[in-house]
Amino acid sequence: MCGAVVPVVTSGTVRGWALELPGAHEEETWGAATFRVGAKIFAVLRAEDGTASVKANPADQAELIAGDPATYAVASHVGRFGWVRVTLSSADPVELRSVVLEAWRRTAPKRLQLALPDDLRALLPRR
């Protein structure tokens, strides 16, 4: 009997998701890849330990951690602002892509948000 293959999220997956967003670019900071819109960071990738930190608000942070404490945790240094640390190997790809998109939306100016393609807009959580 064969089980369903669950896709594993890798650092390359997260990098691709981040860089496909309007106005996003990658910058090396603190020995990690940071993903930004302008000078503002919306995600940090630590490929060497298989984690990412993603911008969220405190309510979303609490919901993510409560829903999957093996994957999500309060991020160090910026967790008090709602950021979450994500263990990539156990992350659900659909959920994490939505979390990355929402982090970008929290960071991007309105003019860039309007440039988001419809297929990506459909992946954003409803507000």
N, C-alpha and C. Protein backbone atom coordinates (compact mmCIF):
# COMPACT_ATOMS: atom_id res chain seq x y z
N MET A 1 0.84 -1.18 0.00
CA MET A 1 0.00 0.00 0.00
C MET A 1 0.88 1.24 0.00
N CYS A 2 0.64 2.14 -0.91
CA CYS A 2 1.45 3.35 -1.04
C CYS A 2 0.76 4.52 -0.36
N GLY A 3 1.53 5.28 0.40
CA GLY A 3 0.99 6.50 1.01
C GLY A 3 1.17 7.67 0.08
N ALA A 4 0.45 8.70 0.34
CA ALA A 4 0.57 9.91 -0.46
C ALA A 4 1.92 10.58 -0.19
N VAL A 5 2.52 11.10 -1.22
CA VAL A 5 3.79 11.81 -1.08
C VAL A 5 3.49 13.23 -0.65
N VAL A 6 4.05 13.63 0.47
CA VAL A 6 3.86 14.98 0.98
C VAL A 6 5.06 15.81 0.55
N PRO A 7 4.84 16.89 -0.20
CA PRO A 7 5.98 17.71 -0.63
C PRO A 7 6.67 18.35 0.57
N VAL A 8 7.99 18.36 0.52
CA VAL A 8 8.79 18.96 1.58
C VAL A 8 9.18 20.37 1.16
N VAL A 9 9.00 21.30 2.06
CA VAL A 9 9.41 22.68 1.80
C VAL A 9 10.91 22.78 2.06
N THR A 10 11.64 23.33 1.10
CA THR A 10 13.08 23.53 1.25
C THR A 10 13.39 25.02 1.26
N SER A 11 14.64 25.34 1.55
CA SER A 11 15.03 26.75 1.50
C SER A 11 14.87 27.30 0.08
N GLY A 12 15.13 26.46 -0.92
CA GLY A 12 14.94 26.90 -2.31
C GLY A 12 13.48 27.19 -2.63
N THR A 13 12.59 26.42 -2.04
CA THR A 13 11.15 26.65 -2.22
C THR A 13 10.77 28.03 -1.68
N VAL A 14 11.19 28.30 -0.45
CA VAL A 14 10.86 29.59 0.18
C VAL A 14 11.49 30.74 -0.60
N ARG A 15 12.73 30.57 -1.03
CA ARG A 15 13.41 31.61 -1.82
C ARG A 15 12.60 31.90 -3.09
N GLY A 16 12.17 30.88 -3.78
CA GLY A 16 11.38 31.06 -5.00
C GLY A 16 10.08 31.79 -4.74
N TRP A 17 9.38 31.39 -3.67
CA TRP A 17 8.12 32.06 -3.32
C TRP A 17 8.36 33.54 -3.04
N ALA A 18 9.40 33.84 -2.27
CA ALA A 18 9.66 35.23 -1.89
C ALA A 18 10.04 36.08 -3.10
N LEU A 19 10.90 35.55 -3.95
CA LEU A 19 11.42 36.35 -5.06
C LEU A 19 10.43 36.52 -6.21
N GLU A 20 9.35 35.74 -6.23
CA GLU A 20 8.36 35.92 -7.29
C GLU A 20 7.40 37.07 -6.99
N LEU A 21 7.50 37.64 -5.81
CA LEU A 21 6.58 38.70 -5.40
C LEU A 21 7.05 40.06 -5.90
N PRO A 22 6.12 40.91 -6.32
CA PRO A 22 6.49 42.22 -6.86
C PRO A 22 7.35 43.04 -5.88
N GLY A 23 8.47 43.55 -6.40
CA GLY A 23 9.34 44.41 -5.61
C GLY A 23 10.23 43.70 -4.62
N ALA A 24 10.15 42.38 -4.53
CA ALA A 24 10.95 41.64 -3.54
C ALA A 24 12.36 41.40 -4.06
N HIS A 25 13.31 41.45 -3.14
CA HIS A 25 14.69 41.12 -3.47
C HIS A 25 15.35 40.46 -2.26
N GLU A 26 16.48 39.81 -2.51
CA GLU A 26 17.21 39.10 -1.47
C GLU A 26 18.48 39.87 -1.11
N GLU A 27 18.75 39.90 0.18
CA GLU A 27 19.95 40.56 0.69
C GLU A 27 20.53 39.72 1.82
N GLU A 28 21.83 39.52 1.80
CA GLU A 28 22.50 38.79 2.88
C GLU A 28 22.68 39.72 4.08
N THR A 29 22.16 39.30 5.23
CA THR A 29 22.27 40.08 6.47
C THR A 29 22.35 39.10 7.63
N TRP A 30 23.19 39.37 8.59
CA TRP A 30 23.34 38.52 9.78
C TRP A 30 23.68 37.08 9.42
N GLY A 31 24.35 36.86 8.31
CA GLY A 31 24.70 35.52 7.87
C GLY A 31 23.52 34.73 7.35
N ALA A 32 22.45 35.42 6.99
CA ALA A 32 21.24 34.75 6.49
C ALA A 32 20.71 35.50 5.28
N ALA A 33 19.90 34.82 4.50
CA ALA A 33 19.22 35.46 3.37
C ALA A 33 17.99 36.17 3.91
N THR A 34 17.90 37.47 3.65
CA THR A 34 16.70 38.21 4.03
C THR A 34 15.97 38.60 2.76
N PHE A 35 14.66 38.59 2.85
CA PHE A 35 13.82 38.95 1.70
C PHE A 35 13.09 40.22 2.06
N ARG A 36 13.18 41.18 1.17
CA ARG A 36 12.74 42.54 1.46
C ARG A 36 11.92 43.13 0.34
N VAL A 37 11.16 44.13 0.74
CA VAL A 37 10.52 45.06 -0.19
C VAL A 37 11.11 46.40 0.21
N GLY A 38 11.89 47.00 -0.69
CA GLY A 38 12.65 48.19 -0.30
C GLY A 38 13.63 47.77 0.78
N ALA A 39 13.64 48.49 1.88
CA ALA A 39 14.54 48.16 2.99
C ALA A 39 13.87 47.30 4.05
N LYS A 40 12.57 47.03 3.89
CA LYS A 40 11.80 46.32 4.93
C LYS A 40 11.82 44.81 4.71
N ILE A 41 12.18 44.08 5.75
CA ILE A 41 12.28 42.62 5.70
C ILE A 41 10.92 41.99 5.96
N PHE A 42 10.59 40.96 5.15
CA PHE A 42 9.37 40.20 5.42
C PHE A 42 9.66 38.73 5.69
N ALA A 43 10.87 38.26 5.40
CA ALA A 43 11.23 36.87 5.71
C ALA A 43 12.75 36.75 5.80
N VAL A 44 13.19 35.83 6.64
CA VAL A 44 14.62 35.54 6.83
C VAL A 44 14.78 34.03 6.69
N LEU A 45 15.73 33.61 5.88
CA LEU A 45 15.94 32.19 5.62
C LEU A 45 17.29 31.77 6.18
N ARG A 46 17.27 30.75 7.02
CA ARG A 46 18.50 30.17 7.57
C ARG A 46 18.60 28.74 7.02
N ALA A 47 19.14 28.66 5.81
CA ALA A 47 19.21 27.38 5.11
C ALA A 47 20.01 26.34 5.89
N GLU A 48 21.03 26.76 6.61
CA GLU A 48 21.90 25.81 7.32
C GLU A 48 21.17 25.05 8.42
N ASP A 49 20.14 25.63 9.00
CA ASP A 49 19.40 24.90 10.03
C ASP A 49 17.96 24.58 9.62
N GLY A 50 17.64 24.85 8.35
CA GLY A 50 16.32 24.47 7.83
C GLY A 50 15.16 25.23 8.42
N THR A 51 15.40 26.50 8.79
CA THR A 51 14.32 27.32 9.34
C THR A 51 14.20 28.64 8.59
N ALA A 52 13.07 29.26 8.78
CA ALA A 52 12.83 30.61 8.28
C ALA A 52 12.11 31.37 9.38
N SER A 53 12.26 32.68 9.38
CA SER A 53 11.46 33.55 10.23
C SER A 53 10.62 34.40 9.29
N VAL A 54 9.34 34.50 9.61
CA VAL A 54 8.42 35.19 8.71
C VAL A 54 7.60 36.19 9.51
N LYS A 55 7.45 37.37 8.92
CA LYS A 55 6.69 38.44 9.56
C LYS A 55 5.22 38.07 9.66
N ALA A 56 4.67 38.24 10.86
CA ALA A 56 3.24 38.01 11.10
C ALA A 56 2.81 39.04 12.15
N ASN A 57 1.57 39.00 12.54
CA ASN A 57 1.16 39.83 13.66
C ASN A 57 0.95 38.90 14.86
N PRO A 58 0.82 39.45 16.06
CA PRO A 58 0.69 38.58 17.24
C PRO A 58 -0.49 37.61 17.18
N ALA A 59 -1.63 38.02 16.61
CA ALA A 59 -2.79 37.12 16.53
C ALA A 59 -2.50 35.95 15.59
N ASP A 60 -1.93 36.24 14.42
CA ASP A 60 -1.60 35.17 13.48
C ASP A 60 -0.51 34.26 14.05
N GLN A 61 0.46 34.86 14.73
CA GLN A 61 1.51 34.08 15.37
C GLN A 61 0.92 33.06 16.33
N ALA A 62 0.02 33.52 17.20
CA ALA A 62 -0.61 32.63 18.18
C ALA A 62 -1.39 31.52 17.49
N GLU A 63 -2.11 31.85 16.43
CA GLU A 63 -2.91 30.86 15.70
C GLU A 63 -2.01 29.81 15.04
N LEU A 64 -0.93 30.25 14.40
CA LEU A 64 -0.02 29.31 13.74
C LEU A 64 0.62 28.36 14.76
N ILE A 65 1.09 28.92 15.87
CA ILE A 65 1.75 28.09 16.89
C ILE A 65 0.76 27.12 17.51
N ALA A 66 -0.44 27.57 17.82
CA ALA A 66 -1.45 26.69 18.40
C ALA A 66 -1.84 25.57 17.43
N GLY A 67 -1.89 25.88 16.14
CA GLY A 67 -2.29 24.91 15.14
C GLY A 67 -1.23 23.88 14.80
N ASP A 68 0.05 24.25 14.94
CA ASP A 68 1.14 23.33 14.59
C ASP A 68 2.40 23.70 15.37
N PRO A 69 2.44 23.40 16.66
CA PRO A 69 3.59 23.79 17.48
C PRO A 69 4.89 23.07 17.13
N ALA A 70 4.82 21.99 16.38
CA ALA A 70 6.04 21.32 15.94
C ALA A 70 6.70 22.07 14.78
N THR A 71 5.93 22.91 14.09
CA THR A 71 6.44 23.65 12.93
C THR A 71 6.68 25.12 13.23
N TYR A 72 5.77 25.74 13.96
CA TYR A 72 5.82 27.18 14.22
C TYR A 72 6.19 27.46 15.67
N ALA A 73 6.99 28.52 15.85
CA ALA A 73 7.37 28.96 17.19
C ALA A 73 7.58 30.47 17.14
N VAL A 74 7.68 31.08 18.31
CA VAL A 74 7.98 32.50 18.39
C VAL A 74 9.42 32.70 17.90
N ALA A 75 9.61 33.59 16.95
CA ALA A 75 10.95 33.86 16.42
C ALA A 75 11.79 34.60 17.45
N SER A 76 13.08 34.27 17.46
CA SER A 76 13.97 34.98 18.38
C SER A 76 14.12 36.43 17.92
N HIS A 77 14.38 37.30 18.85
CA HIS A 77 14.62 38.74 18.63
C HIS A 77 13.37 39.53 18.22
N VAL A 78 12.60 39.04 17.24
CA VAL A 78 11.45 39.80 16.73
C VAL A 78 10.11 39.12 17.02
N GLY A 79 10.14 38.06 17.77
CA GLY A 79 8.92 37.34 18.09
C GLY A 79 7.91 38.19 18.83
N ARG A 80 8.37 39.12 19.62
CA ARG A 80 7.44 39.99 20.36
C ARG A 80 6.60 40.86 19.43
N PHE A 81 7.03 40.98 18.18
CA PHE A 81 6.27 41.75 17.18
C PHE A 81 5.37 40.85 16.34
N GLY A 82 5.36 39.54 16.63
CA GLY A 82 4.49 38.62 15.92
C GLY A 82 5.21 37.69 14.94
N TRP A 83 6.49 37.89 14.71
CA TRP A 83 7.21 37.03 13.78
C TRP A 83 7.21 35.58 14.26
N VAL A 84 7.18 34.65 13.30
CA VAL A 84 7.22 33.22 13.62
C VAL A 84 8.47 32.57 13.03
N ARG A 85 8.99 31.59 13.78
CA ARG A 85 10.06 30.74 13.26
C ARG A 85 9.38 29.50 12.71
N VAL A 86 9.81 29.07 11.53
CA VAL A 86 9.19 27.94 10.85
C VAL A 86 10.25 26.87 10.61
N THR A 87 9.95 25.65 11.03
CA THR A 87 10.78 24.49 10.69
C THR A 87 10.30 24.01 9.33
N LEU A 88 11.13 24.21 8.31
CA LEU A 88 10.70 23.96 6.94
C LEU A 88 10.33 22.51 6.67
N SER A 89 11.06 21.57 7.24
CA SER A 89 10.83 20.15 6.94
C SER A 89 9.46 19.65 7.37
N SER A 90 8.84 20.33 8.32
CA SER A 90 7.52 19.88 8.78
C SER A 90 6.39 20.82 8.34
N ALA A 91 6.72 21.85 7.58
CA ALA A 91 5.71 22.84 7.18
C ALA A 91 4.82 22.31 6.06
N ASP A 92 3.55 22.65 6.14
CA ASP A 92 2.61 22.38 5.06
C ASP A 92 2.87 23.42 3.97
N PRO A 93 3.19 22.99 2.75
CA PRO A 93 3.55 23.95 1.71
C PRO A 93 2.47 24.97 1.38
N VAL A 94 1.23 24.55 1.36
CA VAL A 94 0.13 25.46 1.04
C VAL A 94 0.01 26.53 2.13
N GLU A 95 0.04 26.11 3.39
CA GLU A 95 -0.08 27.05 4.49
C GLU A 95 1.11 28.01 4.53
N LEU A 96 2.33 27.47 4.40
CA LEU A 96 3.52 28.33 4.50
C LEU A 96 3.58 29.33 3.34
N ARG A 97 3.19 28.91 2.15
CA ARG A 97 3.18 29.87 1.04
C ARG A 97 2.23 31.01 1.34
N SER A 98 1.10 30.71 1.92
CA SER A 98 0.15 31.74 2.31
C SER A 98 0.74 32.65 3.39
N VAL A 99 1.47 32.09 4.32
CA VAL A 99 2.10 32.87 5.39
C VAL A 99 3.15 33.81 4.79
N VAL A 100 3.94 33.33 3.84
CA VAL A 100 4.96 34.17 3.18
C VAL A 100 4.28 35.29 2.38
N LEU A 101 3.22 34.96 1.67
CA LEU A 101 2.47 35.97 0.91
C LEU A 101 1.90 37.04 1.83
N GLU A 102 1.35 36.62 2.96
CA GLU A 102 0.79 37.58 3.91
C GLU A 102 1.89 38.46 4.50
N ALA A 103 3.06 37.89 4.75
CA ALA A 103 4.20 38.68 5.26
C ALA A 103 4.60 39.74 4.24
N TRP A 104 4.63 39.35 2.98
CA TRP A 104 4.95 40.32 1.92
C TRP A 104 3.88 41.41 1.89
N ARG A 105 2.60 41.02 1.97
CA ARG A 105 1.51 42.00 1.92
C ARG A 105 1.62 42.99 3.08
N ARG A 106 2.02 42.52 4.26
CA ARG A 106 2.18 43.41 5.42
C ARG A 106 3.31 44.43 5.20
N THR A 107 4.21 44.11 4.29
CA THR A 107 5.41 44.91 4.08
C THR A 107 5.35 45.79 2.84
N ALA A 108 4.72 45.30 1.80
CA ALA A 108 4.73 45.99 0.51
C ALA A 108 3.81 47.20 0.50
N PRO A 109 4.22 48.26 -0.20
CA PRO A 109 3.32 49.41 -0.37
C PRO A 109 2.14 49.03 -1.26
N LYS A 110 1.08 49.80 -1.16
CA LYS A 110 -0.16 49.51 -1.90
C LYS A 110 0.07 49.35 -3.40
N ARG A 111 0.93 50.18 -4.00
CA ARG A 111 1.16 50.11 -5.44
C ARG A 111 1.73 48.75 -5.85
N LEU A 112 2.57 48.14 -5.01
CA LEU A 112 3.09 46.81 -5.30
C LEU A 112 2.03 45.74 -5.03
N GLN A 113 1.24 45.94 -4.00
CA GLN A 113 0.17 44.99 -3.70
C GLN A 113 -0.79 44.88 -4.88
N LEU A 114 -1.04 46.00 -5.53
CA LEU A 114 -1.94 46.01 -6.69
C LEU A 114 -1.33 45.26 -7.88
N ALA A 115 0.01 45.12 -7.90
CA ALA A 115 0.69 44.43 -8.99
C ALA A 115 0.76 42.92 -8.77
N LEU A 116 0.26 42.42 -7.66
CA LEU A 116 0.31 40.99 -7.38
C LEU A 116 -0.57 40.24 -8.38
N PRO A 117 -0.01 39.25 -9.07
CA PRO A 117 -0.81 38.49 -10.04
C PRO A 117 -2.01 37.80 -9.37
N ASP A 118 -3.07 37.65 -10.12
CA ASP A 118 -4.30 37.06 -9.59
C ASP A 118 -4.10 35.66 -9.02
N ASP A 119 -3.23 34.85 -9.65
CA ASP A 119 -3.02 33.48 -9.15
C ASP A 119 -2.40 33.50 -7.76
N LEU A 120 -1.54 34.48 -7.48
CA LEU A 120 -0.96 34.60 -6.13
C LEU A 120 -1.94 35.27 -5.17
N ARG A 121 -2.67 36.22 -5.66
CA ARG A 121 -3.68 36.90 -4.83
C ARG A 121 -4.68 35.89 -4.27
N ALA A 122 -4.99 34.87 -5.07
CA ALA A 122 -5.95 33.84 -4.63
C ALA A 122 -5.40 33.00 -3.48
N LEU A 123 -4.10 32.99 -3.29
CA LEU A 123 -3.49 32.21 -2.21
C LEU A 123 -3.42 32.97 -0.89
N LEU A 124 -3.69 34.26 -0.92
CA LEU A 124 -3.65 35.06 0.30
C LEU A 124 -4.80 34.68 1.23
N PRO A 125 -4.55 34.72 2.53
CA PRO A 125 -5.66 34.47 3.45
C PRO A 125 -6.68 35.61 3.33
N ARG A 126 -7.93 35.28 3.50
CA ARG A 126 -8.99 36.30 3.44
C ARG A 126 -8.92 37.17 4.68
N ARG A 127 -9.12 38.45 4.49
CA ARG A 127 -9.12 39.39 5.62
C ARG A 127 -10.52 39.78 5.94
